[in-house]
């Protein structure tokens, strides 16, 4: 597999272990680690799951209020960010594998978004603006059906790995017009994208699962493309609807900093390892749980509601560990 581009690189276990060890108080103390320090934490994946991968597929999800008809959504009148705020503010713990929402009508497959993908989507978006790369957007929003079905958008994003070609895909059911149908359209968002993280993330429901095993995992490429769409439609057309109806949580700069610490300053003590030190880097599930711990402690607005007055522009976020 090709090496990651410098913008997306993270330190190896060996590089982290060469830093100065520092004990921290709880997982939130990790935010206070200095660049030349590292700490060791216990495994985070809760008991009852065979592996971290199983947890990410079958673990509890944060579920913003569900609507089953357009009429229900219109009557409620709250936008996706308001629904996320309500759900994020009333967490029951932090052992979550992501948040999800359900389409209305037609495609009934649940859409699932992990906080890690929200972070990585923001990173791809920032990379495209801070390097010689770019994200290309071509909306098809002039047809009469757009008001009822949403727009289709061809998107091209850079790869995170060296010498790999750019990725092109189509987003469908994108809310473009300020109409009552926007509530249904935003829940029906879809894509023909099929990168590795989506293609091999096969999930079959457990016998006691209430919702269907059919699921659409949203990935960082799609989120990065949607961020570019939001920016372009606002700057060129002063159209705020794609932002208003976005299903993707936008991290604050402090959340980015915390995420980078988990990538570059943390090792996990794993008794199952045969190595002498029994240390390894945090896996995906542990980083996801760590992010939900941050949300549980500080709430929605300080973690996944970006404000330009506090955080600057998403495209200018700092992604260098510090």
Foldseek 3Di string as FASTA:
>chain_A
DFAFDPLPDFDFPVVQVPAAEDDADPLVRLLVDDLRYFYAAADDQDPPAPDLLRCLQANAAQEQDADAALVVCVVVPAALLVSVQVSLADDDAQQHNFHWYAAHPDPGAIETEFVVQLLLLLSQLLCCLVDVHHKDKDKDQPDPCCQQWNIKIWIWGQDRGPPDDIDIWIKTLQRQDPDSNLSNSLNVIDIPDDDPVFPPSQFQYDPPDPDHSRHGYDGSNVSNRLVVVCVCCCVPPVGNSRVRRHNRFHFALSLLQSLSSLRYHYWYQAPVDPDPRSIGRHDPSRSSSSLSVVCNPPGRCNTGNYDCVRRNDSNNRDNDHD
